[in-house]
Amino acid sequence: MELGSDKFVQKGPAGATLAPKVARQYQCLEAGCDEEIVAPDEASLIEAVQRHVADKHDSFELEAVIVDMSTEVEGEDNRGEDDG
């Protein structure tokens, strides 16, 4: 599949290209928590991390911190393809 396909590229307002979809991972920063959250793209990661921190730690994490502390998932196919 081409890099420019909708499966690999996020679209912003008016269809503007934002960034390729790349799977990302985040290690929870809360003391004593070893939760590692993996998501197919940055937006999904932010949502999943914020949900985890709210549900498990009754707290919150800033989007900028989540993005800065996350890393790309290593592997041949890490562009967040759906399993179905």
Protein backbone atom coordinates (compact mmCIF):
# COMPACT_ATOMS: atom_id res chain seq x y z
CA MET A 1 0.00 0.00 0.00
CA GLU A 2 1.25 3.48 -0.82
CA LEU A 3 2.40 5.85 1.91
CA GLY A 4 -0.10 8.44 0.71
CA SER A 5 -3.10 6.16 1.14
CA ASP A 6 -5.78 7.03 3.70
CA LYS A 7 -4.79 4.01 5.77
CA PHE A 8 -1.39 5.52 6.56
CA VAL A 9 -2.06 9.26 6.62
CA GLN A 10 -4.10 11.25 9.11
CA LYS A 11 -6.24 14.01 7.68
CA GLY A 12 -6.84 17.30 9.43
CA PRO A 13 -9.37 20.04 8.74
CA ALA A 14 -10.24 20.34 5.06
CA GLY A 15 -8.30 17.14 4.35
CA ALA A 16 -4.86 18.58 5.17
CA THR A 17 -2.23 15.90 5.74
CA LEU A 18 -1.05 15.87 9.37
CA ALA A 19 1.43 13.02 9.67
CA PRO A 20 1.85 9.37 8.70
CA LYS A 21 0.14 6.99 11.09
CA VAL A 22 2.88 5.36 13.11
CA ALA A 23 2.24 3.06 16.06
CA ARG A 24 3.47 4.58 19.31
CA GLN A 25 4.07 3.34 22.85
CA TYR A 26 4.13 5.05 26.23
CA GLN A 27 5.37 3.84 29.61
CA CYS A 28 3.18 5.15 32.43
CA LEU A 29 5.08 7.70 34.52
CA GLU A 30 3.13 7.16 37.74
CA ALA A 31 5.24 5.75 40.60
CA GLY A 32 4.94 1.97 40.84
CA CYS A 33 2.97 1.58 37.59
CA ASP A 34 4.52 -0.57 34.90
CA GLU A 35 1.70 -0.14 32.36
CA GLU A 36 2.89 0.18 28.77
CA ILE A 37 0.29 1.56 26.39
CA VAL A 38 0.54 0.94 22.66
CA ALA A 39 -1.69 2.58 20.07
CA PRO A 40 -1.80 2.70 16.27
CA ASP A 41 -1.17 6.45 16.09
CA GLU A 42 -0.46 9.54 18.20
CA ALA A 43 -4.09 10.63 18.63
CA SER A 44 -5.14 7.16 19.80
CA LEU A 45 -2.18 7.01 22.17
CA ILE A 46 -3.10 10.32 23.79
CA GLU A 47 -6.67 9.13 24.30
CA ALA A 48 -5.58 5.76 25.73
CA VAL A 49 -2.99 7.26 28.10
CA GLN A 50 -5.38 9.91 29.39
CA ARG A 51 -8.02 7.22 29.99
CA HIS A 52 -5.49 4.98 31.82
CA VAL A 53 -4.21 7.79 34.04
CA ALA A 54 -7.75 8.93 34.90
CA ASP A 55 -9.07 5.41 35.58
CA LYS A 56 -6.08 3.92 37.41
CA HIS A 57 -4.49 6.93 39.09
CA ASP A 58 -7.35 9.45 39.43
CA SER A 59 -5.07 11.96 37.72
CA PHE A 60 -4.30 13.34 34.26
CA GLU A 61 -1.39 13.69 31.85
CA LEU A 62 -0.79 16.55 29.43
CA GLU A 63 -0.86 15.77 25.71
CA ALA A 64 2.58 17.35 25.24
CA VAL A 65 4.07 15.07 27.91
CA ILE A 66 2.48 11.99 26.35
CA VAL A 67 3.85 12.86 22.91
CA ASP A 68 7.31 13.78 24.23
CA MET A 69 7.63 10.64 26.34
CA SER A 70 6.26 8.23 23.73
CA THR A 71 8.32 6.31 21.21
CA GLU A 72 7.64 4.72 17.85
CA VAL A 73 6.90 1.01 17.98
CA GLU A 74 9.76 -0.83 16.34
CA GLY A 75 8.97 -3.39 13.68
CA GLU A 76 8.51 -3.85 9.97
CA ASP A 77 4.87 -2.79 9.90
CA ASN A 78 4.33 -0.14 12.54
CA ARG A 79 1.94 2.15 10.74
CA GLY A 80 -1.12 1.31 12.79
CA GLU A 81 -2.98 -0.90 10.34
CA ASP A 82 -6.28 -2.25 11.52
CA ASP A 83 -6.33 -5.95 12.31
CA GLY A 84 -9.58 -6.48 10.40
